[in-house]
C-alpha atoms as a PDB file:
ATOM      1  CA  MET A   1      44.311 138.884 -40.372  1.00  0.00           C
ATOM      2  CA  ILE A   2      47.104 137.171 -38.444  1.00  0.00           C
ATOM      3  CA  ASP A   3      45.166 134.097 -37.318  1.00  0.00           C
ATOM      4  CA  GLY A   4      46.801 130.971 -38.673  1.00  0.00           C
ATOM      5  CA  THR A   5      50.247 132.599 -38.795  1.00  0.00           C
ATOM      6  CA  ILE A   6      53.358 132.794 -36.616  1.00  0.00           C
ATOM      7  CA  PRO A   7      55.972 135.579 -36.618  1.00  0.00           C
ATOM      8  CA  ALA A   8      58.973 134.910 -38.822  1.00  0.00           C
ATOM      9  CA  ARG A   9      61.361 135.415 -35.881  1.00  0.00           C
ATOM     10  CA  THR A  10      59.713 132.570 -33.957  1.00  0.00           C
ATOM     11  CA  ALA A  11      59.858 130.415 -37.075  1.00  0.00           C
ATOM     12  CA  ALA A  12      63.566 131.247 -37.402  1.00  0.00           C
ATOM     13  CA  VAL A  13      64.229 130.042 -33.838  1.00  0.00           C
ATOM     14  CA  ILE A  14      62.393 126.767 -34.453  1.00  0.00           C
ATOM     15  CA  ARG A  15      64.161 126.306 -37.789  1.00  0.00           C
ATOM     16  CA  THR A  16      67.512 126.754 -36.036  1.00  0.00           C
ATOM     17  CA  ALA A  17      66.513 124.132 -33.474  1.00  0.00           C
ATOM     18  CA  ALA A  18      65.571 121.737 -36.269  1.00  0.00           C
ATOM     19  CA  VAL A  19      69.015 122.069 -37.844  1.00  0.00           C
ATOM     20  CA  ARG A  20      70.673 121.588 -34.446  1.00  0.00           C
ATOM     21  CA  VAL A  21      68.889 118.300 -33.818  1.00  0.00           C
ATOM     22  CA  GLY A  22      69.868 117.045 -37.258  1.00  0.00           C
ATOM     23  CA  VAL A  23      66.966 117.824 -39.608  1.00  0.00           C
ATOM     24  CA  PRO A  24      68.525 118.096 -43.104  1.00  0.00           C
ATOM     25  CA  PRO A  25      68.291 121.696 -44.407  1.00  0.00           C
ATOM     26  CA  ALA A  26      66.986 120.318 -47.705  1.00  0.00           C
ATOM     27  CA  HIS A  27      63.859 119.143 -45.871  1.00  0.00           C
ATOM     28  CA  LEU A  28      63.281 122.683 -44.623  1.00  0.00           C
ATOM     29  CA  HIS A  29      63.709 124.380 -48.015  1.00  0.00           C
ATOM     30  CA  THR A  30      60.478 122.849 -49.282  1.00  0.00           C
ATOM     31  CA  ILE A  31      58.320 124.298 -46.483  1.00  0.00           C
ATOM     32  CA  ALA A  32      56.354 127.397 -47.503  1.00  0.00           C
ATOM     33  CA  GLY A  33      57.382 130.766 -46.080  1.00  0.00           C
ATOM     34  CA  LEU A  34      60.645 129.596 -44.513  1.00  0.00           C
ATOM     35  CA  ALA A  35      63.299 131.077 -46.781  1.00  0.00           C
ATOM     36  CA  PRO A  36      66.146 131.942 -44.354  1.00  0.00           C
ATOM     37  CA  ALA A  37      66.668 135.384 -45.912  1.00  0.00           C
ATOM     38  CA  ALA A  38      63.115 136.425 -44.969  1.00  0.00           C
ATOM     39  CA  LEU A  39      63.010 135.135 -41.402  1.00  0.00           C
ATOM     40  CA  ASP A  40      64.663 138.201 -39.857  1.00  0.00           C
ATOM     41  CA  ASP A  41      61.783 140.434 -40.947  1.00  0.00           C
ATOM     42  CA  ALA A  42      59.972 141.638 -37.803  1.00  0.00           C
ATOM     43  CA  LEU A  43      56.715 142.199 -39.707  1.00  0.00           C
ATOM     44  CA  LEU A  44      56.617 138.967 -41.677  1.00  0.00           C
ATOM     45  CA  ARG A  45      54.338 136.143 -40.550  1.00  0.00           C
ATOM     46  CA  VAL A  46      54.520 132.594 -41.867  1.00  0.00           C
ATOM     47  CA  PRO A  47      51.758 129.971 -42.028  1.00  0.00           C
ATOM     48  CA  THR A  48      51.320 128.106 -38.745  1.00  0.00           C
ATOM     49  CA  GLU A  49      51.058 124.871 -40.712  1.00  0.00           C
ATOM     50  CA  SER A  50      54.585 125.473 -42.034  1.00  0.00           C
ATOM     51  CA  VAL A  51      56.003 125.863 -38.515  1.00  0.00           C
ATOM     52  CA  TRP A  52      54.025 122.841 -37.370  1.00  0.00           C
ATOM     53  CA  ARG A  53      55.682 120.872 -40.143  1.00  0.00           C
ATOM     54  CA  ILE A  54      59.099 121.808 -38.702  1.00  0.00           C
ATOM     55  CA  TRP A  55      57.965 120.619 -35.280  1.00  0.00           C
ATOM     56  CA  GLU A  56      56.907 117.314 -36.818  1.00  0.00           C
ATOM     57  CA  LEU A  57      60.367 116.902 -38.343  1.00  0.00           C
ATOM     58  CA  ILE A  58      61.959 117.680 -34.956  1.00  0.00           C
ATOM     59  CA  ASP A  59      59.657 115.267 -33.168  1.00  0.00           C
ATOM     60  CA  ASP A  60      60.201 112.476 -35.707  1.00  0.00           C
ATOM     61  CA  LEU A  61      63.964 112.822 -35.491  1.00  0.00           C
ATOM     62  CA  ALA A  62      64.650 113.748 -31.848  1.00  0.00           C
ATOM     63  CA  GLY A  63      61.410 113.221 -29.913  1.00  0.00           C
ATOM     64  CA  PRO A  64      60.829 114.291 -26.280  1.00  0.00           C
ATOM     65  CA  GLY A  65      63.502 116.551 -24.850  1.00  0.00           C
ATOM     66  CA  SER A  66      64.224 118.255 -28.157  1.00  0.00           C
ATOM     67  CA  GLY A  67      61.927 121.149 -27.263  1.00  0.00           C
ATOM     68  CA  LEU A  68      64.624 122.271 -24.836  1.00  0.00           C
ATOM     69  CA  CYS A  69      66.987 122.615 -27.790  1.00  0.00           C
ATOM     70  CA  ALA A  70      64.516 125.081 -29.290  1.00  0.00           C
ATOM     71  CA  ALA A  71      64.405 126.961 -25.975  1.00  0.00           C
ATOM     72  CA  ASP A  72      68.211 127.126 -26.073  1.00  0.00           C
ATOM     73  CA  ALA A  73      67.973 128.621 -29.578  1.00  0.00           C
ATOM     74  CA  ALA A  74      65.662 131.374 -28.281  1.00  0.00           C
ATOM     75  CA  ASP A  75      68.036 133.568 -26.294  1.00  0.00           C
ATOM     76  CA  HIS A  76      66.624 136.651 -24.637  1.00  0.00           C
ATOM     77  CA  GLY A  77      65.788 139.134 -27.384  1.00  0.00           C
ATOM     78  CA  ASP A  78      65.523 136.533 -30.133  1.00  0.00           C
ATOM     79  CA  LEU A  79      61.733 136.696 -29.951  1.00  0.00           C
ATOM     80  CA  ARG A  80      61.930 140.469 -30.126  1.00  0.00           C
ATOM     81  CA  ALA A  81      58.987 142.433 -28.666  1.00  0.00           C
ATOM     82  CA  TRP A  82      57.545 139.435 -26.814  1.00  0.00           C
ATOM     83  CA  ASP A  83      60.685 139.025 -24.714  1.00  0.00           C
ATOM     84  CA  TYR A  84      60.425 142.595 -23.447  1.00  0.00           C
ATOM     85  CA  LEU A  85      56.735 142.353 -22.580  1.00  0.00           C
ATOM     86  CA  PHE A  86      57.778 140.285 -19.544  1.00  0.00           C
ATOM     87  CA  PHE A  87      59.269 143.538 -18.166  1.00  0.00           C
ATOM     88  CA  CYS A  88      56.542 145.941 -19.309  1.00  0.00           C
ATOM     89  CA  ARG A  89      54.569 146.221 -16.043  1.00  0.00           C
ATOM     90  CA  ALA A  90      55.515 146.762 -12.429  1.00  0.00           C
ATOM     91  CA  THR A  91      54.803 143.208 -11.250  1.00  0.00           C
ATOM     92  CA  LEU A  92      55.203 139.809 -12.799  1.00  0.00           C
ATOM     93  CA  ALA A  93      51.448 139.093 -12.783  1.00  0.00           C
ATOM     94  CA  GLU A  94      50.690 142.367 -14.559  1.00  0.00           C
ATOM     95  CA  SER A  95      53.380 141.732 -17.129  1.00  0.00           C
ATOM     96  CA  LEU A  96      52.175 138.175 -17.761  1.00  0.00           C
ATOM     97  CA  ARG A  97      48.663 139.428 -18.444  1.00  0.00           C
ATOM     98  CA  THR A  98      50.123 141.634 -21.179  1.00  0.00           C
ATOM     99  CA  VAL A  99      52.307 138.778 -22.446  1.00  0.00           C
ATOM    100  CA  ILE A 100      49.200 136.647 -22.930  1.00  0.00           C
ATOM    101  CA  GLU A 101      47.108 139.488 -24.349  1.00  0.00           C
ATOM    102  CA  LEU A 102      49.775 140.223 -26.989  1.00  0.00           C
ATOM    103  CA  ARG A 103      51.052 136.661 -27.473  1.00  0.00           C
ATOM    104  CA  ALA A 104      50.509 137.029 -31.217  1.00  0.00           C
ATOM    105  CA  VAL A 105      53.874 138.835 -31.409  1.00  0.00           C
ATOM    106  CA  ALA A 106      55.448 135.420 -30.740  1.00  0.00           C
ATOM    107  CA  THR A 107      52.898 132.802 -31.739  1.00  0.00           C
ATOM    108  CA  ASP A 108      49.582 132.098 -33.459  1.00  0.00           C
ATOM    109  CA  PRO A 109      46.900 134.108 -31.615  1.00  0.00           C
ATOM    110  CA  THR A 110      44.360 131.314 -32.049  1.00  0.00           C
ATOM    111  CA  GLY A 111      46.258 129.277 -29.456  1.00  0.00           C
ATOM    112  CA  ASP A 112      44.372 129.297 -26.154  1.00  0.00           C
ATOM    113  CA  TRP A 113      46.457 130.808 -23.330  1.00  0.00           C
ATOM    114  CA  GLU A 114      45.233 131.657 -19.852  1.00  0.00           C
ATOM    115  CA  LEU A 115      46.645 133.235 -16.683  1.00  0.00           C
ATOM    116  CA  VAL A 116      45.035 131.924 -13.487  1.00  0.00           C
ATOM    117  CA  GLU A 117      45.600 133.620 -10.125  1.00  0.00           C
ATOM    118  CA  ASP A 118      44.386 131.520  -7.208  1.00  0.00           C
ATOM    119  CA  GLY A 119      45.466 132.997  -3.905  1.00  0.00           C
ATOM    120  CA  ARG A 120      49.248 132.667  -3.745  1.00  0.00           C
ATOM    121  CA  LEU A 121      49.370 130.487  -6.876  1.00  0.00           C
ATOM    122  CA  LEU A 122      50.008 131.852 -10.338  1.00  0.00           C
ATOM    123  CA  THR A 123      49.445 129.477 -13.290  1.00  0.00           C
ATOM    124  CA  ILE A 124      49.998 129.909 -17.019  1.00  0.00           C
ATOM    125  CA  ARG A 125      47.974 127.426 -19.079  1.00  0.00           C
ATOM    126  CA  THR A 126      48.279 126.798 -22.777  1.00  0.00           C
ATOM    127  CA  MET A 127      46.350 124.636 -25.202  1.00  0.00           C
ATOM    128  CA  PRO A 128      48.233 123.249 -28.224  1.00  0.00           C
ATOM    129  CA  LEU A 129      47.161 124.443 -31.663  1.00  0.00           C
ATOM    130  CA  GLU A 130      46.923 120.837 -32.847  1.00  0.00           C
ATOM    131  CA  PRO A 131      45.171 119.027 -29.968  1.00  0.00           C
ATOM    132  CA  ASP A 132      44.669 115.853 -32.019  1.00  0.00           C
ATOM    133  CA  ARG A 133      48.404 115.268 -32.108  1.00  0.00           C
ATOM    134  CA  VAL A 134      50.231 116.802 -29.191  1.00  0.00           C
ATOM    135  CA  LEU A 135      53.953 117.074 -29.860  1.00  0.00           C
ATOM    136  CA  ALA A 136      56.162 116.863 -26.794  1.00  0.00           C
ATOM    137  CA  PRO A 137      58.819 119.274 -28.177  1.00  0.00           C
ATOM    138  CA  VAL A 138      56.236 122.033 -28.656  1.00  0.00           C
ATOM    139  CA  GLU A 139      55.068 121.927 -25.054  1.00  0.00           C
ATOM    140  CA  GLU A 140      58.622 121.694 -23.762  1.00  0.00           C
ATOM    141  CA  PHE A 141      59.649 124.723 -25.813  1.00  0.00           C
ATOM    142  CA  VAL A 142      56.697 126.853 -24.687  1.00  0.00           C
ATOM    143  CA  LEU A 143      56.962 126.148 -20.957  1.00  0.00           C
ATOM    144  CA  ALA A 144      60.766 126.281 -20.849  1.00  0.00           C
ATOM    145  CA  SER A 145      60.750 129.601 -22.743  1.00  0.00           C
ATOM    146  CA  LEU A 146      58.190 131.023 -20.335  1.00  0.00           C
ATOM    147  CA  LEU A 147      60.224 129.966 -17.291  1.00  0.00           C
ATOM    148  CA  ARG A 148      63.441 131.446 -18.665  1.00  0.00           C
ATOM    149  CA  ARG A 149      61.792 134.798 -19.406  1.00  0.00           C
ATOM    150  CA  ILE A 150      60.052 134.928 -16.048  1.00  0.00           C
ATOM    151  CA  ARG A 151      63.404 134.404 -14.345  1.00  0.00           C
ATOM    152  CA  ALA A 152      64.949 137.154 -16.468  1.00  0.00           C
ATOM    153  CA  ALA A 153      62.125 139.571 -15.650  1.00  0.00           C
ATOM    154  CA  THR A 154      62.270 138.998 -11.889  1.00  0.00           C
ATOM    155  CA  ARG A 155      66.042 138.446 -11.717  1.00  0.00           C
ATOM    156  CA  GLN A 156      65.335 135.417  -9.553  1.00  0.00           C
ATOM    157  CA  ARG A 157      65.762 131.718 -10.165  1.00  0.00           C
ATOM    158  CA  ILE A 158      62.102 130.998  -9.501  1.00  0.00           C
ATOM    159  CA  THR A 159      61.207 127.323  -9.205  1.00  0.00           C
ATOM    160  CA  PRO A 160      57.733 126.213 -10.302  1.00  0.00           C
ATOM    161  CA  VAL A 161      55.680 124.205  -7.823  1.00  0.00           C
ATOM    162  CA  ARG A 162      54.003 122.258 -10.625  1.00  0.00           C
ATOM    163  CA  VAL A 163      54.606 121.631 -14.327  1.00  0.00           C
ATOM    164  CA  ALA A 164      52.149 119.668 -16.462  1.00  0.00           C
ATOM    165  CA  PHE A 165      52.264 118.330 -20.007  1.00  0.00           C
ATOM    166  CA  THR A 166      49.513 116.795 -22.099  1.00  0.00           C
ATOM    167  CA  HIS A 167      51.857 114.264 -23.688  1.00  0.00           C
ATOM    168  CA  ARG A 168      52.851 111.048 -21.974  1.00  0.00           C
ATOM    169  CA  ALA A 169      56.032 110.499 -19.996  1.00  0.00           C
ATOM    170  CA  THR A 170      58.928 108.819 -21.778  1.00  0.00           C
ATOM    171  CA  ARG A 171      62.329 107.575 -20.694  1.00  0.00           C
ATOM    172  CA  ARG A 172      63.776 110.907 -21.819  1.00  0.00           C
ATOM    173  CA  SER A 173      61.446 112.915 -19.581  1.00  0.00           C
ATOM    174  CA  SER A 174      64.121 113.057 -16.890  1.00  0.00           C
ATOM    175  CA  VAL A 175      65.856 115.915 -18.758  1.00  0.00           C
ATOM    176  CA  LEU A 176      62.877 118.068 -17.835  1.00  0.00           C
ATOM    177  CA  TYR A 177      63.645 117.768 -14.103  1.00  0.00           C
ATOM    178  CA  ASP A 178      66.903 119.648 -14.627  1.00  0.00           C
ATOM    179  CA  GLU A 179      65.312 122.268 -16.873  1.00  0.00           C
ATOM    180  CA  PHE A 180      62.473 123.091 -14.465  1.00  0.00           C
ATOM    181  CA  ASP A 181      64.375 122.450 -11.207  1.00  0.00           C
ATOM    182  CA  THR A 182      61.580 120.258  -9.870  1.00  0.00           C
ATOM    183  CA  THR A 183      60.370 116.674  -9.800  1.00  0.00           C
ATOM    184  CA  ARG A 184      56.773 117.864  -9.628  1.00  0.00           C
ATOM    185  CA  ILE A 185      56.245 117.285 -13.321  1.00  0.00           C
ATOM    186  CA  TYR A 186      53.066 115.548 -14.441  1.00  0.00           C
ATOM    187  CA  PHE A 187      52.102 114.009 -17.782  1.00  0.00           C
ATOM    188  CA  GLY A 188      48.806 113.264 -19.515  1.00  0.00           C
ATOM    189  CA  ALA A 189      47.220 116.464 -18.199  1.00  0.00           C
ATOM    190  CA  PRO A 190      44.276 118.157 -19.996  1.00  0.00           C
ATOM    191  CA  ARG A 191      46.430 121.216 -20.716  1.00  0.00           C
ATOM    192  CA  SER A 192      50.076 122.090 -20.412  1.00  0.00           C
ATOM    193  CA  GLU A 193      50.723 124.515 -17.584  1.00  0.00           C
ATOM    194  CA  ILE A 194      53.326 125.896 -15.198  1.00  0.00           C
ATOM    195  CA  THR A 195      52.482 127.070 -11.657  1.00  0.00           C
ATOM    196  CA  PHE A 196      54.407 129.331  -9.267  1.00  0.00           C
ATOM    197  CA  LEU A 197      53.938 130.180  -5.600  1.00  0.00           C
ATOM    198  CA  ASP A 198      54.068 133.814  -4.415  1.00  0.00           C
ATOM    199  CA  ALA A 199      55.424 134.939  -7.801  1.00  0.00           C
ATOM    200  CA  GLY A 200      52.653 137.286  -8.960  1.00  0.00           C
ATOM    201  CA  PRO A 201      53.632 140.301  -6.803  1.00  0.00           C
ATOM    202  CA  LEU A 202      57.338 140.063  -7.650  1.00  0.00           C
ATOM    203  CA  PRO A 203      58.625 143.338  -9.133  1.00  0.00           C
ATOM    204  CA  THR A 204      60.117 143.433 -12.617  1.00  0.00           C
ATOM    205  CA  GLY A 205      62.041 146.647 -11.992  1.00  0.00           C
ATOM    206  CA  THR A 206      60.654 148.202 -15.146  1.00  0.00           C
ATOM    207  CA  ASP A 207      60.516 151.877 -15.997  1.00  0.00           C
ATOM    208  CA  PRO A 208      56.760 152.508 -16.472  1.00  0.00           C
ATOM    209  CA  HIS A 209      57.379 154.839 -19.429  1.00  0.00           C
ATOM    210  CA  LEU A 210      59.601 152.290 -21.147  1.00  0.00           C
ATOM    211  CA  GLY A 211      57.011 149.596 -20.448  1.00  0.00           C
ATOM    212  CA  ALA A 212      54.366 151.700 -22.181  1.00  0.00           C
ATOM    213  CA  VAL A 213      56.656 152.143 -25.191  1.00  0.00           C
ATOM    214  CA  VAL A 214      57.242 148.381 -25.451  1.00  0.00           C
ATOM    215  CA  HIS A 215      53.497 147.731 -25.179  1.00  0.00           C
ATOM    216  CA  HIS A 216      52.776 150.253 -27.941  1.00  0.00           C
ATOM    217  CA  TYR A 217      55.532 148.832 -30.128  1.00  0.00           C
ATOM    218  CA  ALA A 218      54.084 145.317 -29.803  1.00  0.00           C
ATOM    219  CA  GLU A 219      50.670 146.631 -30.863  1.00  0.00           C
ATOM    220  CA  LEU A 220      52.222 148.329 -33.912  1.00  0.00           C
ATOM    221  CA  ILE A 221      54.001 145.111 -34.870  1.00  0.00           C
ATOM    222  CA  LEU A 222      50.688 143.246 -34.792  1.00  0.00           C
ATOM    223  CA  ALA A 223      48.889 145.946 -36.758  1.00  0.00           C
ATOM    224  CA  SER A 224      51.608 145.969 -39.431  1.00  0.00           C
ATOM    225  CA  GLY A 225      52.174 142.206 -39.768  1.00  0.00           C
ATOM    226  CA  ARG A 226      51.963 140.751 -43.245  1.00  0.00           C
ATOM    227  CA  PRO A 227      51.819 137.131 -44.406  1.00  0.00           C
ATOM    228  CA  ALA A 228      54.785 135.510 -46.096  1.00  0.00           C
ATOM    229  CA  PRO A 229      54.215 134.423 -49.679  1.00  0.00           C
ATOM    230  CA  SER A 230      52.685 130.974 -49.786  1.00  0.00           C
ATOM    231  CA  TRP A 231      54.312 128.081 -51.589  1.00  0.00           C
ATOM    232  CA  ARG A 232      51.792 128.620 -54.398  1.00  0.00           C
ATOM    233  CA  ASP A 233      52.765 132.308 -54.605  1.00  0.00           C
ATOM    234  CA  ARG A 234      56.456 131.401 -54.846  1.00  0.00           C
ATOM    235  CA  LEU A 235      55.664 128.841 -57.524  1.00  0.00           C
ATOM    236  CA  ARG A 236      53.659 131.310 -59.612  1.00  0.00           C
ATOM    237  CA  SER A 237      56.347 133.979 -59.333  1.00  0.00           C
ATOM    238  CA  ALA A 238      59.067 131.530 -60.367  1.00  0.00           C
ATOM    239  CA  MET A 239      56.930 130.305 -63.277  1.00  0.00           C
ATOM    240  CA  ALA A 240      56.364 133.837 -64.567  1.00  0.00           C
ATOM    241  CA  GLU A 241      60.101 134.580 -64.446  1.00  0.00           C
ATOM    242  CA  ALA A 242      60.933 131.280 -66.155  1.00  0.00           C
ATOM    243  CA  ALA A 243      58.375 131.926 -68.895  1.00  0.00           C
ATOM    244  CA  ALA A 244      59.882 135.363 -69.618  1.00  0.00           C
ATOM    245  CA  ARG A 245      63.293 133.702 -70.043  1.00  0.00           C
ATOM    246  CA  GLY A 246      61.923 130.911 -72.217  1.00  0.00           C
ATOM    247  CA  GLU A 247      62.746 128.295 -69.550  1.00  0.00           C
ATOM    248  CA  LEU A 248      59.275 127.201 -68.511  1.00  0.00           C
ATOM    249  CA  ASP A 249      59.744 123.490 -67.962  1.00  0.00           C
ATOM    250  CA  LEU A 250      59.245 121.368 -64.867  1.00  0.00           C
ATOM    251  CA  ASP A 251      62.872 120.312 -64.356  1.00  0.00           C
ATOM    252  CA  THR A 252      64.239 123.848 -64.619  1.00  0.00           C
ATOM    253  CA  LEU A 253      61.632 125.258 -62.254  1.00  0.00           C
ATOM    254  CA  ALA A 254      62.188 122.495 -59.698  1.00  0.00           C
ATOM    255  CA  CYS A 255      65.891 123.345 -59.724  1.00  0.00           C
ATOM    256  CA  ARG A 256      65.068 127.028 -59.180  1.00  0.00           C
ATOM    257  CA  LEU A 257      62.931 126.089 -56.166  1.00  0.00           C
ATOM    258  CA  ALA A 258      65.774 123.905 -54.804  1.00  0.00           C
ATOM    259  CA  ILE A 259      63.697 120.725 -54.930  1.00  0.00           C
ATOM    260  CA  SER A 260      63.623 117.669 -57.155  1.00  0.00           C
ATOM    261  CA  SER A 261      61.188 117.326 -60.053  1.00  0.00           C
ATOM    262  CA  ARG A 262      59.534 114.434 -58.228  1.00  0.00           C
ATOM    263  CA  THR A 263      59.052 116.561 -55.094  1.00  0.00           C
ATOM    264  CA  LEU A 264      57.564 119.380 -57.158  1.00  0.00           C
ATOM    265  CA  GLN A 265      55.077 117.007 -58.770  1.00  0.00           C
ATOM    266  CA  ARG A 266      54.189 115.587 -55.343  1.00  0.00           C
ATOM    267  CA  ARG A 267      53.623 119.075 -53.916  1.00  0.00           C
ATOM    268  CA  LEU A 268      51.368 119.905 -56.857  1.00  0.00           C
ATOM    269  CA  ARG A 269      49.330 116.748 -56.242  1.00  0.00           C
ATOM    270  CA  GLU A 270      49.005 117.703 -52.582  1.00  0.00           C
ATOM    271  CA  GLN A 271      47.626 121.063 -53.731  1.00  0.00           C
ATOM    272  CA  GLY A 272      45.099 119.275 -55.946  1.00  0.00           C
ATOM    273  CA  THR A 273      46.652 120.417 -59.210  1.00  0.00           C
ATOM    274  CA  THR A 274      49.153 119.436 -61.905  1.00  0.00           C
ATOM    275  CA  TRP A 275      52.090 121.042 -63.661  1.00  0.00           C
ATOM    276  CA  ARG A 276      50.099 121.467 -66.866  1.00  0.00           C
ATOM    277  CA  ALA A 277      47.167 123.081 -65.041  1.00  0.00           C
ATOM    278  CA  GLU A 278      49.471 125.496 -63.193  1.00  0.00           C
ATOM    279  CA  VAL A 279      51.221 126.542 -66.394  1.00  0.00           C
ATOM    280  CA  ASP A 280      47.894 127.115 -68.116  1.00  0.00           C
ATOM    281  CA  ASP A 281      46.463 129.132 -65.216  1.00  0.00           C
ATOM    282  CA  MET A 282      49.640 131.213 -64.865  1.00  0.00           C
ATOM    283  CA  ARG A 283      49.582 132.023 -68.579  1.00  0.00           C
ATOM    284  CA  HIS A 284      45.918 132.941 -68.369  1.00  0.00           C
ATOM    285  CA  GLN A 285      46.426 135.412 -65.506  1.00  0.00           C
ATOM    286  CA  GLN A 286      49.613 136.862 -66.985  1.00  0.00           C
ATOM    287  CA  ALA A 287      47.979 137.311 -70.378  1.00  0.00           C
ATOM    288  CA  LEU A 288      45.094 139.258 -68.836  1.00  0.00           C
ATOM    289  CA  ASP A 289      47.491 141.493 -66.899  1.00  0.00           C
ATOM    290  CA  LEU A 290      49.780 142.185 -69.850  1.00  0.00           C
ATOM    291  CA  LEU A 291      46.963 142.896 -72.309  1.00  0.00           C
ATOM    292  CA  ARG A 292      45.146 145.111 -69.813  1.00  0.00           C
ATOM    293  CA  GLY A 293      48.139 146.915 -68.338  1.00  0.00           C
ATOM    294  CA  THR A 294      50.658 147.265 -71.187  1.00  0.00           C
ATOM    295  CA  GLU A 295      50.762 148.154 -74.871  1.00  0.00           C
ATOM    296  CA  LEU A 296      52.945 145.197 -75.803  1.00  0.00           C
ATOM    297  CA  PRO A 297      52.046 143.645 -79.168  1.00  0.00           C
ATOM    298  CA  VAL A 298      50.297 140.284 -78.916  1.00  0.00           C
ATOM    299  CA  ARG A 299      53.373 138.531 -80.281  1.00  0.00           C
ATOM    300  CA  SER A 300      55.473 140.028 -77.446  1.00  0.00           C
ATOM    301  CA  VAL A 301      52.913 138.932 -74.869  1.00  0.00           C
ATOM    302  CA  ALA A 302      53.031 135.437 -76.351  1.00  0.00           C
ATOM    303  CA  ALA A 303      56.837 135.389 -76.102  1.00  0.00           C
ATOM    304  CA  ARG A 304      56.751 136.497 -72.447  1.00  0.00           C
ATOM    305  CA  LEU A 305      54.403 133.644 -71.648  1.00  0.00           C
ATOM    306  CA  GLY A 306      56.577 131.037 -73.329  1.00  0.00           C
ATOM    307  CA  TYR A 307      54.445 130.463 -76.424  1.00  0.00           C
ATOM    308  CA  THR A 308      56.153 129.694 -79.715  1.00  0.00           C
ATOM    309  CA  ASP A 309      54.117 132.307 -81.592  1.00  0.00           C
ATOM    310  CA  ALA A 310      51.109 134.639 -81.354  1.00  0.00           C
ATOM    311  CA  ARG A 311      48.764 132.059 -82.897  1.00  0.00           C
ATOM    312  CA  ALA A 312      49.303 129.696 -79.960  1.00  0.00           C
ATOM    313  CA  LEU A 313      48.398 132.489 -77.534  1.00  0.00           C
ATOM    314  CA  ARG A 314      45.298 133.425 -79.551  1.00  0.00           C
ATOM    315  CA  ARG A 315      44.043 129.830 -79.457  1.00  0.00           C
ATOM    316  CA  ALA A 316      44.626 129.563 -75.705  1.00  0.00           C
ATOM    317  CA  PHE A 317      43.090 132.988 -75.033  1.00  0.00           C
ATOM    318  CA  HIS A 318      39.948 132.101 -76.950  1.00  0.00           C
ATOM    319  CA  ARG A 319      39.688 128.905 -74.888  1.00  0.00           C
ATOM    320  CA  TRP A 320      40.007 130.902 -71.658  1.00  0.00           C
ATOM    321  CA  THR A 321      37.711 133.835 -72.452  1.00  0.00           C
ATOM    322  CA  GLY A 322      35.881 133.221 -75.709  1.00  0.00           C
ATOM    323  CA  GLN A 323      37.574 136.372 -77.076  1.00  0.00           C
ATOM    324  CA  THR A 324      40.651 137.234 -79.075  1.00  0.00           C
ATOM    325  CA  PRO A 325      43.465 139.095 -77.275  1.00  0.00           C
ATOM    326  CA  ASP A 326      42.819 142.209 -79.414  1.00  0.00           C
ATOM    327  CA  ALA A 327      39.096 142.236 -78.580  1.00  0.00           C
ATOM    328  CA  TYR A 328      39.820 141.825 -74.873  1.00  0.00           C
ATOM    329  CA  ARG A 329      42.325 144.715 -74.954  1.00  0.00           C
ATOM    330  CA  ARG A 330      39.844 147.026 -76.758  1.00  0.00           C
ATOM    331  CA  GLU A 331      37.147 146.143 -74.230  1.00  0.00           C
ATOM    332  CA  ALA A 332      39.478 146.726 -71.263  1.00  0.00           C
ATOM    333  CA  THR A 333      40.676 150.058 -72.685  1.00  0.00           C
ATOM    334  CA  GLU A 334      37.098 151.237 -73.224  1.00  0.00           C
ATOM    335  CA  HIS A 335      36.185 150.219 -69.679  1.00  0.00           C
ATOM    336  CA  PHE A 336      39.019 152.269 -68.155  1.00  0.00           C
ATOM    337  CA  ARG A 337      38.228 155.234 -70.415  1.00  0.00           C
ATOM    338  CA  ASN A 338      34.610 155.241 -69.256  1.00  0.00           C
ATOM    339  CA  ALA A 339      35.668 154.875 -65.618  1.00  0.00           C
ATOM    340  CA  ASP A 340      37.979 157.902 -65.945  1.00  0.00           C
ATOM    341  CA  ALA A 341      35.187 159.919 -67.554  1.00  0.00           C
ATOM    342  CA  ASP A 342      32.817 159.049 -64.692  1.00  0.00           C
ATOM    343  CA  ARG A 343      35.409 160.183 -62.120  1.00  0.00           C
ATOM    344  CA  HIS A 344      35.886 163.529 -63.909  1.00  0.00           C
ATOM    345  CA  CYS A 345      32.134 164.084 -63.984  1.00  0.00           C
ATOM    346  CA  GLU A 346      31.841 163.375 -60.267  1.00  0.00           C
ATOM    347  CA  GLY A 347      34.705 165.814 -59.586  1.00  0.00           C
END
């Protein structure tokens, strides 16, 4: 499922915009799924809530007008397959229908997008993912990015006859007149939208065979998308590695995650847990995996989990399961042996 996620490439563009407007990189390091090294992965998808958090940082720092900075960061090709969908059909209207159908290659598919053809008018409408708090930069980025790609597809400097935003006008709204080449910009609308006159039939000059390839590629990208590890996943992985090195303490782990100890404790509270509870749960899961999947002696399992000796692990394991580690291992081994026997009989 890709609902509730955004492609890593889109997240990378928005992250770049955040840095450009002055958001401290340290504030971005703590957001789940946004490790810079992973954001060039075409198949990776990050939580929408993480990207929304970046937008909040942009809005808090730079406010209206800063969405155009994000549009500047999204050069043609930066959003990969989505950029080329604007060229995938013979006419602009046909291409835009595909752009909206496959919008998940650039954004969260749960966002409500619509193409409306009314005589000579062609309108693209979007509904923000967070309607309770509309952020001006988000709407600016979406509509400006659409306009730039429509102009690239038609090779014409098309001017919209109407642009509408759901947020209110501010003193910085004048920068939008230059971006959209029109003063027909309205605020406080029910939905953000951009309207063109006589633009639907405009040719894109595409090769129909190449357009079909791009369409198929976009579908493969969506079918192969995978979620980025959550903040909790990263925490658990780092804890397991720290335990194996005998460095399982809060300060050391916070340093490994590039955050302060106080921030780590705050993030744990936000997740409804504590450091002690996370350590205990990690040890529980790791102990089950190691006893079930390896032949390591119990003392070695205890050492990998950061216990001082095997007796400490035995006490904790009995608290978790009501069994000793040795009894659990015998039971697990017998279970797998019986399962293998059943499969041989069926064969």
